[in-house]
Amino acid sequence: MTRPAARGGGSRASADRLARLLNLVPYLLARPGIEIAEAATDLGVTERQLREDLELLWVCGLPGYGPGDLIDMAFDGDRVTITYDAGIDRPLRLTPDEALALVVALRMLAETPGVANREAVERALAKIENAAGDLVGAPVEVRLPADTRRVAELRAAVESGRALRITYYTAARDESTERVVDPLRMLMVGGRAYVEAWCRRAEGMRLFRADRIDAVTPLDEPAVVPPQARPHDLTAGVFRPSPDLPLITVRIGRGERWITEYYPCERIEADGDRWLVSLRVTDLGWARRFVLGLGPEVTVVAPAELAEQVRGAAAAALDAYATPAVRVPPLPDPAVPAGRQ
């Protein structure tokens, strides 16, 4: 079998349409009898798209979805008028549970390191708390795990506008290096905090995972990101497979099929009761540790260099287990006289 191509943009298109529909009803209420062509121009859509949106509004409304519950419209040629808005013009009223859930979520978001435009989150939180009043009950305290102290330290260092000297652990090569970087921003991707910075050692933009920065020292010089540097496009995640990266192929059993959902794969084929999986990796050192951690139902098919590295590492591990243990004599028992031990 071949992995089907992912369909991108679906959720974004649905969100855009929802926002457009929510804006459409109050727009039409304020302009009864407006021509569809004029409305389409104002809303930045085609006439065909607007007509499809109006058709969708026919089946939108209040729970019950019967006569008197759904949005209703009247058409006069190419003109449209909302005759029943199903209460969409009324202000939103939150139940106590809804208000509390929003307050907790916004406070958690405000405490999350790397959140862009934190001021907007705090303004929204203040408005909801003010509108909800006593509905939210006693103040709710939200605190993230203790390991976020390092992230808070990094955020303060980034916001200082100075260059940083960091000690960074690179998991792909299993090594720690010292670098001087010019930080651009902090961000959250997949639940992890990253520092995006210009790395003077690599002479390029890099993403540094916060939990892999072992030490950070602000320098007495401003951070200067070269004009040619460009922020990473993270819409598809941190790792972006490209043709210049090594391609590996492994044969996996049923218990390892989860990797096809967790890692971006270029090809998946059935091979009897097993699967042949091809994916790009940052380097073969990372791939060796990756394969060794998967278990006995995984076989490296290609490249031959990776297969040899895995075979050598496995043999070294077996040799270590085969080495006879050194027998340590027991310590003398102080309760027994020396001559009788």
C-alpha atoms as a PDB file:
ATOM      1  CA  MET A   1       0.000   0.000   0.000  1.00  0.00           C
ATOM      2  CA  THR A   2       1.059   3.620  -0.491  1.00  0.00           C
ATOM      3  CA  ARG A   3       0.395   6.261   2.101  1.00  0.00           C
ATOM      4  CA  PRO A   4      -2.329   8.638   0.855  1.00  0.00           C
ATOM      5  CA  ALA A   5      -1.332  12.236   0.419  1.00  0.00           C
ATOM      6  CA  ALA A   6      -2.366  14.451   3.290  1.00  0.00           C
ATOM      7  CA  ARG A   7      -5.108  16.907   2.591  1.00  0.00           C
ATOM      8  CA  GLY A   8      -3.873  20.275   3.752  1.00  0.00           C
ATOM      9  CA  GLY A   9      -5.824  23.424   4.496  1.00  0.00           C
ATOM     10  CA  GLY A  10      -9.183  21.786   5.276  1.00  0.00           C
ATOM     11  CA  SER A  11      -9.420  22.972   8.867  1.00  0.00           C
ATOM     12  CA  ARG A  12      -8.257  26.466   7.908  1.00  0.00           C
ATOM     13  CA  ALA A  13     -10.892  26.713   5.134  1.00  0.00           C
ATOM     14  CA  SER A  14     -13.633  25.617   7.541  1.00  0.00           C
ATOM     15  CA  ALA A  15     -12.522  28.169  10.130  1.00  0.00           C
ATOM     16  CA  ASP A  16     -12.491  30.933   7.494  1.00  0.00           C
ATOM     17  CA  ARG A  17     -15.988  30.030   6.373  1.00  0.00           C
ATOM     18  CA  LEU A  18     -17.310  29.941   9.941  1.00  0.00           C
ATOM     19  CA  ALA A  19     -15.933  33.422  10.578  1.00  0.00           C
ATOM     20  CA  ARG A  20     -17.496  34.622   7.343  1.00  0.00           C
ATOM     21  CA  LEU A  21     -20.913  33.178   8.245  1.00  0.00           C
ATOM     22  CA  LEU A  22     -20.832  34.750  11.723  1.00  0.00           C
ATOM     23  CA  ASN A  23     -20.096  38.112  10.099  1.00  0.00           C
ATOM     24  CA  LEU A  24     -22.656  37.650   7.318  1.00  0.00           C
ATOM     25  CA  VAL A  25     -25.847  37.769   9.417  1.00  0.00           C
ATOM     26  CA  PRO A  26     -25.209  41.113  11.204  1.00  0.00           C
ATOM     27  CA  TYR A  27     -23.919  42.533   7.906  1.00  0.00           C
ATOM     28  CA  LEU A  28     -27.166  41.642   6.119  1.00  0.00           C
ATOM     29  CA  LEU A  29     -29.307  42.776   9.072  1.00  0.00           C
ATOM     30  CA  ALA A  30     -27.773  46.242   8.741  1.00  0.00           C
ATOM     31  CA  ARG A  31     -28.370  46.309   4.956  1.00  0.00           C
ATOM     32  CA  PRO A  32     -31.837  44.888   4.186  1.00  0.00           C
ATOM     33  CA  GLY A  33     -32.440  44.408   0.469  1.00  0.00           C
ATOM     34  CA  ILE A  34     -28.757  44.665  -0.501  1.00  0.00           C
ATOM     35  CA  GLU A  35     -27.749  43.289  -3.899  1.00  0.00           C
ATOM     36  CA  ILE A  36     -25.826  40.029  -3.718  1.00  0.00           C
ATOM     37  CA  ALA A  37     -23.131  41.396  -6.051  1.00  0.00           C
ATOM     38  CA  GLU A  38     -22.556  44.415  -3.780  1.00  0.00           C
ATOM     39  CA  ALA A  39     -22.472  42.222  -0.664  1.00  0.00           C
ATOM     40  CA  ALA A  40     -19.964  39.860  -2.290  1.00  0.00           C
ATOM     41  CA  THR A  41     -17.684  42.800  -3.118  1.00  0.00           C
ATOM     42  CA  ASP A  42     -17.895  44.164   0.428  1.00  0.00           C
ATOM     43  CA  LEU A  43     -17.174  40.760   1.955  1.00  0.00           C
ATOM     44  CA  GLY A  44     -14.329  39.940  -0.413  1.00  0.00           C
ATOM     45  CA  VAL A  45     -15.867  36.760  -1.882  1.00  0.00           C
ATOM     46  CA  THR A  46     -17.302  35.738  -5.221  1.00  0.00           C
ATOM     47  CA  GLU A  47     -21.035  35.838  -5.880  1.00  0.00           C
ATOM     48  CA  ARG A  48     -21.030  32.057  -6.160  1.00  0.00           C
ATOM     49  CA  GLN A  49     -19.370  31.689  -2.747  1.00  0.00           C
ATOM     50  CA  LEU A  50     -21.818  34.130  -1.183  1.00  0.00           C
ATOM     51  CA  ARG A  51     -24.791  32.231  -2.605  1.00  0.00           C
ATOM     52  CA  GLU A  52     -23.357  28.986  -1.181  1.00  0.00           C
ATOM     53  CA  ASP A  53     -22.972  30.691   2.202  1.00  0.00           C
ATOM     54  CA  LEU A  54     -26.574  31.891   2.068  1.00  0.00           C
ATOM     55  CA  GLU A  55     -27.741  28.352   1.278  1.00  0.00           C
ATOM     56  CA  LEU A  56     -25.853  27.111   4.336  1.00  0.00           C
ATOM     57  CA  LEU A  57     -27.515  29.775   6.503  1.00  0.00           C
ATOM     58  CA  TRP A  58     -30.904  28.225   5.659  1.00  0.00           C
ATOM     59  CA  VAL A  59     -30.056  25.263   7.924  1.00  0.00           C
ATOM     60  CA  CYS A  60     -28.424  27.279  10.742  1.00  0.00           C
ATOM     61  CA  GLY A  61     -30.223  28.381  13.857  1.00  0.00           C
ATOM     62  CA  LEU A  62     -31.254  27.437  17.371  1.00  0.00           C
ATOM     63  CA  PRO A  63     -31.461  23.922  18.876  1.00  0.00           C
ATOM     64  CA  GLY A  64     -34.654  22.243  17.737  1.00  0.00           C
ATOM     65  CA  TYR A  65     -33.958  23.243  14.137  1.00  0.00           C
ATOM     66  CA  GLY A  66     -37.631  23.419  13.262  1.00  0.00           C
ATOM     67  CA  PRO A  67     -39.871  26.227  11.991  1.00  0.00           C
ATOM     68  CA  GLY A  68     -39.127  29.351  13.986  1.00  0.00           C
ATOM     69  CA  ASP A  69     -35.674  28.080  14.984  1.00  0.00           C
ATOM     70  CA  LEU A  70     -33.699  28.505  11.753  1.00  0.00           C
ATOM     71  CA  ILE A  71     -32.383  31.678  10.127  1.00  0.00           C
ATOM     72  CA  ASP A  72     -34.777  32.871   7.426  1.00  0.00           C
ATOM     73  CA  MET A  73     -34.241  35.107   4.397  1.00  0.00           C
ATOM     74  CA  ALA A  74     -36.276  36.702   1.661  1.00  0.00           C
ATOM     75  CA  PHE A  75     -35.011  37.120  -1.901  1.00  0.00           C
ATOM     76  CA  ASP A  76     -36.255  39.735  -4.359  1.00  0.00           C
ATOM     77  CA  GLY A  77     -34.447  39.085  -7.589  1.00  0.00           C
ATOM     78  CA  ASP A  78     -30.760  39.567  -6.778  1.00  0.00           C
ATOM     79  CA  ARG A  79     -31.478  41.222  -3.448  1.00  0.00           C
ATOM     80  CA  VAL A  80     -31.527  39.504  -0.056  1.00  0.00           C
ATOM     81  CA  THR A  81     -33.031  40.422   3.327  1.00  0.00           C
ATOM     82  CA  ILE A  82     -32.704  38.598   6.666  1.00  0.00           C
ATOM     83  CA  THR A  83     -36.255  38.147   7.989  1.00  0.00           C
ATOM     84  CA  TYR A  84     -35.341  36.095  11.090  1.00  0.00           C
ATOM     85  CA  ASP A  85     -31.899  36.094  12.676  1.00  0.00           C
ATOM     86  CA  ALA A  86     -32.476  33.258  15.234  1.00  0.00           C
ATOM     87  CA  GLY A  87     -31.165  35.507  17.970  1.00  0.00           C
ATOM     88  CA  ILE A  88     -27.678  35.827  16.524  1.00  0.00           C
ATOM     89  CA  ASP A  89     -27.813  39.586  17.121  1.00  0.00           C
ATOM     90  CA  ARG A  90     -28.166  39.057  20.884  1.00  0.00           C
ATOM     91  CA  PRO A  91     -24.965  39.368  22.967  1.00  0.00           C
ATOM     92  CA  LEU A  92     -23.324  36.154  24.116  1.00  0.00           C
ATOM     93  CA  ARG A  93     -24.156  35.182  27.688  1.00  0.00           C
ATOM     94  CA  LEU A  94     -21.916  32.687  29.436  1.00  0.00           C
ATOM     95  CA  THR A  95     -23.033  30.157  32.003  1.00  0.00           C
ATOM     96  CA  PRO A  96     -20.925  29.983  35.195  1.00  0.00           C
ATOM     97  CA  ASP A  97     -19.228  26.803  33.936  1.00  0.00           C
ATOM     98  CA  GLU A  98     -18.456  28.365  30.547  1.00  0.00           C
ATOM     99  CA  ALA A  99     -17.084  31.537  32.133  1.00  0.00           C
ATOM    100  CA  LEU A 100     -14.880  29.567  34.537  1.00  0.00           C
ATOM    101  CA  ALA A 101     -13.582  27.343  31.723  1.00  0.00           C
ATOM    102  CA  LEU A 102     -12.621  30.400  29.661  1.00  0.00           C
ATOM    103  CA  VAL A 103     -10.909  32.079  32.618  1.00  0.00           C
ATOM    104  CA  VAL A 104      -8.864  28.958  33.424  1.00  0.00           C
ATOM    105  CA  ALA A 105      -7.908  28.459  29.765  1.00  0.00           C
ATOM    106  CA  LEU A 106      -6.837  32.080  29.316  1.00  0.00           C
ATOM    107  CA  ARG A 107      -4.823  32.083  32.543  1.00  0.00           C
ATOM    108  CA  MET A 108      -3.066  28.912  31.422  1.00  0.00           C
ATOM    109  CA  LEU A 109      -2.362  30.530  28.054  1.00  0.00           C
ATOM    110  CA  ALA A 110      -1.017  33.667  29.730  1.00  0.00           C
ATOM    111  CA  GLU A 111       1.395  31.529  31.788  1.00  0.00           C
ATOM    112  CA  THR A 112       2.591  29.531  28.771  1.00  0.00           C
ATOM    113  CA  PRO A 113       6.139  30.541  27.760  1.00  0.00           C
ATOM    114  CA  GLY A 114       6.654  31.739  24.206  1.00  0.00           C
ATOM    115  CA  VAL A 115       3.071  32.870  23.614  1.00  0.00           C
ATOM    116  CA  ALA A 116       3.015  35.710  21.121  1.00  0.00           C
ATOM    117  CA  ASN A 117       1.047  38.863  21.954  1.00  0.00           C
ATOM    118  CA  ARG A 118       0.650  38.045  25.635  1.00  0.00           C
ATOM    119  CA  GLU A 119      -0.921  41.493  26.135  1.00  0.00           C
ATOM    120  CA  ALA A 120      -3.896  40.508  23.966  1.00  0.00           C
ATOM    121  CA  VAL A 121      -4.444  37.382  26.073  1.00  0.00           C
ATOM    122  CA  GLU A 122      -4.350  39.409  29.289  1.00  0.00           C
ATOM    123  CA  ARG A 123      -6.771  42.001  27.879  1.00  0.00           C
ATOM    124  CA  ALA A 124      -9.224  39.263  26.866  1.00  0.00           C
ATOM    125  CA  LEU A 125      -8.912  37.672  30.309  1.00  0.00           C
ATOM    126  CA  ALA A 126      -9.598  40.997  32.040  1.00  0.00           C
ATOM    127  CA  LYS A 127     -12.703  41.599  29.907  1.00  0.00           C
ATOM    128  CA  ILE A 128     -14.148  38.146  30.595  1.00  0.00           C
ATOM    129  CA  GLU A 129     -13.446  38.392  34.324  1.00  0.00           C
ATOM    130  CA  ASN A 130     -15.058  41.825  34.425  1.00  0.00           C
ATOM    131  CA  ALA A 131     -18.115  40.660  32.462  1.00  0.00           C
ATOM    132  CA  ALA A 132     -18.495  37.411  34.409  1.00  0.00           C
ATOM    133  CA  GLY A 133     -18.212  39.076  37.815  1.00  0.00           C
ATOM    134  CA  ASP A 134     -19.092  36.629  40.580  1.00  0.00           C
ATOM    135  CA  LEU A 135     -19.892  33.859  38.071  1.00  0.00           C
ATOM    136  CA  VAL A 136     -16.307  32.628  38.107  1.00  0.00           C
ATOM    137  CA  GLY A 137     -16.278  32.352  41.899  1.00  0.00           C
ATOM    138  CA  ALA A 138     -13.008  32.578  43.831  1.00  0.00           C
ATOM    139  CA  PRO A 139      -9.797  33.511  41.994  1.00  0.00           C
ATOM    140  CA  VAL A 140      -8.273  30.603  40.082  1.00  0.00           C
ATOM    141  CA  GLU A 141      -4.516  30.188  40.316  1.00  0.00           C
ATOM    142  CA  VAL A 142      -2.824  28.500  37.377  1.00  0.00           C
ATOM    143  CA  ARG A 143       0.798  27.395  37.508  1.00  0.00           C
ATOM    144  CA  LEU A 144       2.778  25.412  34.944  1.00  0.00           C
ATOM    145  CA  PRO A 145       5.321  22.720  35.959  1.00  0.00           C
ATOM    146  CA  ALA A 146       8.544  23.737  37.673  1.00  0.00           C
ATOM    147  CA  ASP A 147      10.662  23.029  34.573  1.00  0.00           C
ATOM    148  CA  THR A 148       9.215  26.194  33.019  1.00  0.00           C
ATOM    149  CA  ARG A 149      11.578  28.231  35.201  1.00  0.00           C
ATOM    150  CA  ARG A 150      14.277  27.624  32.588  1.00  0.00           C
ATOM    151  CA  VAL A 151      11.879  28.749  29.878  1.00  0.00           C
ATOM    152  CA  ALA A 152      11.057  31.902  31.852  1.00  0.00           C
ATOM    153  CA  GLU A 153      14.788  32.572  32.219  1.00  0.00           C
ATOM    154  CA  LEU A 154      15.276  32.156  28.482  1.00  0.00           C
ATOM    155  CA  ARG A 155      12.318  34.396  27.701  1.00  0.00           C
ATOM    156  CA  ALA A 156      13.784  37.151  29.886  1.00  0.00           C
ATOM    157  CA  ALA A 157      17.149  36.717  28.154  1.00  0.00           C
ATOM    158  CA  VAL A 158      15.548  36.919  24.705  1.00  0.00           C
ATOM    159  CA  GLU A 159      13.524  39.988  25.666  1.00  0.00           C
ATOM    160  CA  SER A 160      16.689  41.716  26.911  1.00  0.00           C
ATOM    161  CA  GLY A 161      17.734  42.175  23.292  1.00  0.00           C
ATOM    162  CA  ARG A 162      21.277  40.934  23.918  1.00  0.00           C
ATOM    163  CA  ALA A 163      23.307  38.179  22.308  1.00  0.00           C
ATOM    164  CA  LEU A 164      23.506  34.954  24.296  1.00  0.00           C
ATOM    165  CA  ARG A 165      26.173  32.348  24.929  1.00  0.00           C
ATOM    166  CA  ILE A 166      24.460  28.972  25.305  1.00  0.00           C
ATOM    167  CA  THR A 167      25.530  25.404  25.960  1.00  0.00           C
ATOM    168  CA  TYR A 168      23.309  23.250  23.775  1.00  0.00           C
ATOM    169  CA  TYR A 169      22.796  19.496  23.626  1.00  0.00           C
ATOM    170  CA  THR A 170      22.248  18.211  20.074  1.00  0.00           C
ATOM    171  CA  ALA A 171      20.375  14.914  20.335  1.00  0.00           C
ATOM    172  CA  ALA A 172      20.985  14.001  16.686  1.00  0.00           C
ATOM    173  CA  ARG A 173      24.756  13.881  17.303  1.00  0.00           C
ATOM    174  CA  ASP A 174      24.603  13.145  21.040  1.00  0.00           C
ATOM    175  CA  GLU A 175      26.943  16.024  21.864  1.00  0.00           C
ATOM    176  CA  SER A 176      26.959  19.349  23.713  1.00  0.00           C
ATOM    177  CA  THR A 177      28.399  22.479  22.117  1.00  0.00           C
ATOM    178  CA  GLU A 178      28.872  26.096  23.133  1.00  0.00           C
ATOM    179  CA  ARG A 179      27.448  28.684  20.751  1.00  0.00           C
ATOM    180  CA  VAL A 180      26.892  32.425  20.557  1.00  0.00           C
ATOM    181  CA  VAL A 181      23.452  33.244  19.181  1.00  0.00           C
ATOM    182  CA  ASP A 182      21.443  36.343  18.358  1.00  0.00           C
ATOM    183  CA  PRO A 183      17.903  35.514  19.531  1.00  0.00           C
ATOM    184  CA  LEU A 184      14.921  36.542  17.434  1.00  0.00           C
ATOM    185  CA  ARG A 185      11.948  35.163  19.396  1.00  0.00           C
ATOM    186  CA  MET A 186      10.600  32.416  21.626  1.00  0.00           C
ATOM    187  CA  LEU A 187       7.784  30.225  20.437  1.00  0.00           C
ATOM    188  CA  MET A 188       5.795  27.114  21.293  1.00  0.00           C
ATOM    189  CA  VAL A 189       5.526  24.250  18.793  1.00  0.00           C
ATOM    190  CA  GLY A 190       3.935  20.919  19.607  1.00  0.00           C
ATOM    191  CA  GLY A 191       3.884  21.706  23.307  1.00  0.00           C
ATOM    192  CA  ARG A 192       7.636  22.482  23.431  1.00  0.00           C
ATOM    193  CA  ALA A 193       9.357  25.836  23.881  1.00  0.00           C
ATOM    194  CA  TYR A 194      12.014  26.920  21.373  1.00  0.00           C
ATOM    195  CA  VAL A 195      14.401  29.832  20.986  1.00  0.00           C
ATOM    196  CA  GLU A 196      14.709  30.913  17.365  1.00  0.00           C
ATOM    197  CA  ALA A 197      18.032  32.633  16.821  1.00  0.00           C
ATOM    198  CA  TRP A 198      20.822  33.368  14.391  1.00  0.00           C
ATOM    199  CA  CYS A 199      23.619  30.939  15.242  1.00  0.00           C
ATOM    200  CA  ARG A 200      27.015  32.514  14.618  1.00  0.00           C
ATOM    201  CA  ARG A 201      28.685  29.106  14.560  1.00  0.00           C
ATOM    202  CA  ALA A 202      26.344  27.664  11.897  1.00  0.00           C
ATOM    203  CA  GLU A 203      25.847  31.063  10.191  1.00  0.00           C
ATOM    204  CA  GLY A 204      22.143  30.427   9.853  1.00  0.00           C
ATOM    205  CA  MET A 205      18.798  30.565  11.626  1.00  0.00           C
ATOM    206  CA  ARG A 206      18.332  27.706  14.092  1.00  0.00           C
ATOM    207  CA  LEU A 207      15.670  26.483  16.511  1.00  0.00           C
ATOM    208  CA  PHE A 208      17.000  25.568  19.961  1.00  0.00           C
ATOM    209  CA  ARG A 209      14.782  23.462  22.215  1.00  0.00           C
ATOM    210  CA  ALA A 210      14.559  25.081  25.624  1.00  0.00           C
ATOM    211  CA  ASP A 211      14.905  21.794  27.516  1.00  0.00           C
ATOM    212  CA  ARG A 212      18.191  21.121  25.708  1.00  0.00           C
ATOM    213  CA  ILE A 213      19.816  24.443  26.586  1.00  0.00           C
ATOM    214  CA  ASP A 214      21.980  23.514  29.573  1.00  0.00           C
ATOM    215  CA  ALA A 215      23.351  27.000  30.253  1.00  0.00           C
ATOM    216  CA  VAL A 216      22.665  30.542  29.046  1.00  0.00           C
ATOM    217  CA  THR A 217      24.690  33.726  29.620  1.00  0.00           C
ATOM    218  CA  PRO A 218      23.606  37.123  28.240  1.00  0.00           C
ATOM    219  CA  LEU A 219      26.528  38.999  26.647  1.00  0.00           C
ATOM    220  CA  ASP A 220      27.342  42.713  26.804  1.00  0.00           C
ATOM    221  CA  GLU A 221      26.454  43.232  23.161  1.00  0.00           C
ATOM    222  CA  PRO A 222      23.127  43.648  21.357  1.00  0.00           C
ATOM    223  CA  ALA A 223      21.574  40.793  19.403  1.00  0.00           C
ATOM    224  CA  VAL A 224      21.978  41.523  15.700  1.00  0.00           C
ATOM    225  CA  VAL A 225      20.121  39.219  13.312  1.00  0.00           C
ATOM    226  CA  PRO A 226      21.467  39.623   9.741  1.00  0.00           C
ATOM    227  CA  PRO A 227      18.965  41.120   7.285  1.00  0.00           C
ATOM    228  CA  GLN A 228      19.083  38.006   5.092  1.00  0.00           C
ATOM    229  CA  ALA A 229      17.869  35.794   7.978  1.00  0.00           C
ATOM    230  CA  ARG A 230      14.293  34.579   7.731  1.00  0.00           C
ATOM    231  CA  PRO A 231      12.120  33.076  10.496  1.00  0.00           C
ATOM    232  CA  HIS A 232      11.223  29.411  10.122  1.00  0.00           C
ATOM    233  CA  ASP A 233       7.907  28.422   8.594  1.00  0.00           C
ATOM    234  CA  LEU A 234       6.487  26.150  11.293  1.00  0.00           C
ATOM    235  CA  THR A 235       3.032  25.566   9.861  1.00  0.00           C
ATOM    236  CA  ALA A 236       3.961  21.915   9.207  1.00  0.00           C
ATOM    237  CA  GLY A 237       5.965  21.459  12.423  1.00  0.00           C
ATOM    238  CA  VAL A 238       9.613  21.819  13.381  1.00  0.00           C
ATOM    239  CA  PHE A 239      11.012  19.004  11.237  1.00  0.00           C
ATOM    240  CA  ARG A 240      10.606  19.618   7.498  1.00  0.00           C
ATOM    241  CA  PRO A 241      11.798  16.636   5.397  1.00  0.00           C
ATOM    242  CA  SER A 242      13.711  17.653   2.285  1.00  0.00           C
ATOM    243  CA  PRO A 243      15.376  15.700  -0.547  1.00  0.00           C
ATOM    244  CA  ASP A 244      18.865  16.609   0.715  1.00  0.00           C
ATOM    245  CA  LEU A 245      18.337  14.679   3.981  1.00  0.00           C
ATOM    246  CA  PRO A 246      19.244  10.959   4.237  1.00  0.00           C
ATOM    247  CA  LEU A 247      16.436   8.554   3.294  1.00  0.00           C
ATOM    248  CA  ILE A 248      16.170   5.350   5.318  1.00  0.00           C
ATOM    249  CA  THR A 249      13.946   2.313   4.756  1.00  0.00           C
ATOM    250  CA  VAL A 250      13.010  -0.080   7.547  1.00  0.00           C
ATOM    251  CA  ARG A 251      10.858  -3.199   7.709  1.00  0.00           C
ATOM    252  CA  ILE A 252       8.576  -3.036  10.740  1.00  0.00           C
ATOM    253  CA  GLY A 253       6.150  -5.375  12.499  1.00  0.00           C
ATOM    254  CA  ARG A 254       2.660  -4.606  13.748  1.00  0.00           C
ATOM    255  CA  GLY A 255       3.919  -3.296  17.077  1.00  0.00           C
ATOM    256  CA  GLU A 256       5.959  -0.523  15.415  1.00  0.00           C
ATOM    257  CA  ARG A 257       3.333   0.769  12.966  1.00  0.00           C
ATOM    258  CA  TRP A 258       2.809   3.766  15.246  1.00  0.00           C
ATOM    259  CA  ILE A 259       5.886   5.406  13.746  1.00  0.00           C
ATOM    260  CA  THR A 260       3.968   5.970  10.485  1.00  0.00           C
ATOM    261  CA  GLU A 261       1.593   8.266  12.385  1.00  0.00           C
ATOM    262  CA  TYR A 262       4.259   9.951  14.506  1.00  0.00           C
ATOM    263  CA  TYR A 263       6.898  10.633  11.829  1.00  0.00           C
ATOM    264  CA  PRO A 264       6.430  12.012   8.290  1.00  0.00           C
ATOM    265  CA  CYS A 265       6.963   9.065   5.921  1.00  0.00           C
ATOM    266  CA  GLU A 266       7.608   9.242   2.185  1.00  0.00           C
ATOM    267  CA  ARG A 267       6.411   5.735   1.413  1.00  0.00           C
ATOM    268  CA  ILE A 268       4.653   2.838   3.147  1.00  0.00           C
ATOM    269  CA  GLU A 269       4.284  -0.534   1.436  1.00  0.00           C
ATOM    270  CA  ALA A 270       2.897  -3.882   2.587  1.00  0.00           C
ATOM    271  CA  ASP A 271       5.513  -6.649   2.749  1.00  0.00           C
ATOM    272  CA  GLY A 272       3.637  -9.771   3.816  1.00  0.00           C
ATOM    273  CA  ASP A 273       2.567  -9.201   7.415  1.00  0.00           C
ATOM    274  CA  ARG A 274       5.111  -6.383   7.748  1.00  0.00           C
ATOM    275  CA  TRP A 275       5.469  -2.884   6.338  1.00  0.00           C
ATOM    276  CA  LEU A 276       8.313  -1.265   4.438  1.00  0.00           C
ATOM    277  CA  VAL A 277       8.579   2.333   5.615  1.00  0.00           C
ATOM    278  CA  SER A 278      10.773   5.047   4.070  1.00  0.00           C
ATOM    279  CA  LEU A 279      11.391   8.360   5.831  1.00  0.00           C
ATOM    280  CA  ARG A 280      13.875  11.222   5.907  1.00  0.00           C
ATOM    281  CA  VAL A 281      16.140  11.726   8.932  1.00  0.00           C
ATOM    282  CA  THR A 282      18.414  14.514  10.081  1.00  0.00           C
ATOM    283  CA  ASP A 283      21.479  12.222  10.022  1.00  0.00           C
ATOM    284  CA  LEU A 284      22.395   8.544  10.312  1.00  0.00           C
ATOM    285  CA  GLY A 285      23.569   8.931  13.910  1.00  0.00           C
ATOM    286  CA  TRP A 286      20.025   9.861  14.963  1.00  0.00           C
ATOM    287  CA  ALA A 287      18.628   7.062  12.760  1.00  0.00           C
ATOM    288  CA  ARG A 288      20.897   4.486  14.457  1.00  0.00           C
ATOM    289  CA  ARG A 289      19.623   5.405  17.933  1.00  0.00           C
ATOM    290  CA  PHE A 290      16.066   5.555  16.604  1.00  0.00           C
ATOM    291  CA  VAL A 291      16.200   2.031  15.148  1.00  0.00           C
ATOM    292  CA  LEU A 292      17.934   0.550  18.200  1.00  0.00           C
ATOM    293  CA  GLY A 293      15.119   1.877  20.388  1.00  0.00           C
ATOM    294  CA  LEU A 294      12.333   0.316  18.321  1.00  0.00           C
ATOM    295  CA  GLY A 295      12.843  -3.343  19.243  1.00  0.00           C
ATOM    296  CA  PRO A 296      13.524  -6.683  17.566  1.00  0.00           C
ATOM    297  CA  GLU A 297      10.729  -6.479  14.950  1.00  0.00           C
ATOM    298  CA  VAL A 298      12.551  -3.757  12.999  1.00  0.00           C
ATOM    299  CA  THR A 299      15.083  -4.463  10.238  1.00  0.00           C
ATOM    300  CA  VAL A 300      17.084  -1.840   8.358  1.00  0.00           C
ATOM    301  CA  VAL A 301      16.678  -2.310   4.600  1.00  0.00           C
ATOM    302  CA  ALA A 302      18.606   0.761   3.423  1.00  0.00           C
ATOM    303  CA  PRO A 303      21.086   2.332   3.417  1.00  0.00           C
ATOM    304  CA  ALA A 304      23.707  -0.348   3.996  1.00  0.00           C
ATOM    305  CA  GLU A 305      25.769   2.077   6.111  1.00  0.00           C
ATOM    306  CA  LEU A 306      22.923   2.404   8.627  1.00  0.00           C
ATOM    307  CA  ALA A 307      22.409  -1.365   8.741  1.00  0.00           C
ATOM    308  CA  GLU A 308      26.106  -1.822   9.537  1.00  0.00           C
ATOM    309  CA  GLN A 309      26.002   0.829  12.276  1.00  0.00           C
ATOM    310  CA  VAL A 310      22.964  -0.804  13.909  1.00  0.00           C
ATOM    311  CA  ARG A 311      24.570  -4.259  13.646  1.00  0.00           C
ATOM    312  CA  GLY A 312      27.778  -2.986  15.245  1.00  0.00           C
ATOM    313  CA  ALA A 313      25.973  -1.212  18.108  1.00  0.00           C
ATOM    314  CA  ALA A 314      23.834  -4.290  18.796  1.00  0.00           C
ATOM    315  CA  ALA A 315      26.896  -6.569  18.787  1.00  0.00           C
ATOM    316  CA  ALA A 316      28.722  -4.245  21.201  1.00  0.00           C
ATOM    317  CA  ALA A 317      25.735  -4.320  23.557  1.00  0.00           C
ATOM    318  CA  LEU A 318      25.631  -8.136  23.474  1.00  0.00           C
ATOM    319  CA  ASP A 319      29.388  -8.302  24.136  1.00  0.00           C
ATOM    320  CA  ALA A 320      28.918  -6.078  27.170  1.00  0.00           C
ATOM    321  CA  TYR A 321      26.311  -8.463  28.575  1.00  0.00           C
ATOM    322  CA  ALA A 322      28.564 -11.455  27.857  1.00  0.00           C
ATOM    323  CA  THR A 323      31.497 -10.047  29.883  1.00  0.00           C
ATOM    324  CA  PRO A 324      31.802 -12.051  33.144  1.00  0.00           C
ATOM    325  CA  ALA A 325      30.898  -9.997  36.163  1.00  0.00           C
ATOM    326  CA  VAL A 326      33.636  -9.376  38.746  1.00  0.00           C
ATOM    327  CA  ARG A 327      32.757 -11.151  41.977  1.00  0.00           C
ATOM    328  CA  VAL A 328      33.064  -8.908  45.021  1.00  0.00           C
ATOM    329  CA  PRO A 329      33.684 -10.797  48.317  1.00  0.00           C
ATOM    330  CA  PRO A 330      31.161 -10.050  51.065  1.00  0.00           C
ATOM    331  CA  LEU A 331      32.071  -7.638  53.805  1.00  0.00           C
ATOM    332  CA  PRO A 332      32.972  -9.230  57.187  1.00  0.00           C
ATOM    333  CA  ASP A 333      30.114  -9.468  59.674  1.00  0.00           C
ATOM    334  CA  PRO A 334      31.099  -7.332  62.713  1.00  0.00           C
ATOM    335  CA  ALA A 335      28.909  -9.540  64.966  1.00  0.00           C
ATOM    336  CA  VAL A 336      31.098 -12.617  64.295  1.00  0.00           C
ATOM    337  CA  PRO A 337      34.637 -12.907  65.757  1.00  0.00           C
ATOM    338  CA  ALA A 338      37.331 -12.555  63.118  1.00  0.00           C
ATOM    339  CA  GLY A 339      38.647 -16.059  63.608  1.00  0.00           C
ATOM    340  CA  ARG A 340      35.263 -17.639  62.967  1.00  0.00           C
ATOM    341  CA  GLN A 341      34.315 -15.863  59.701  1.00  0.00           C
END
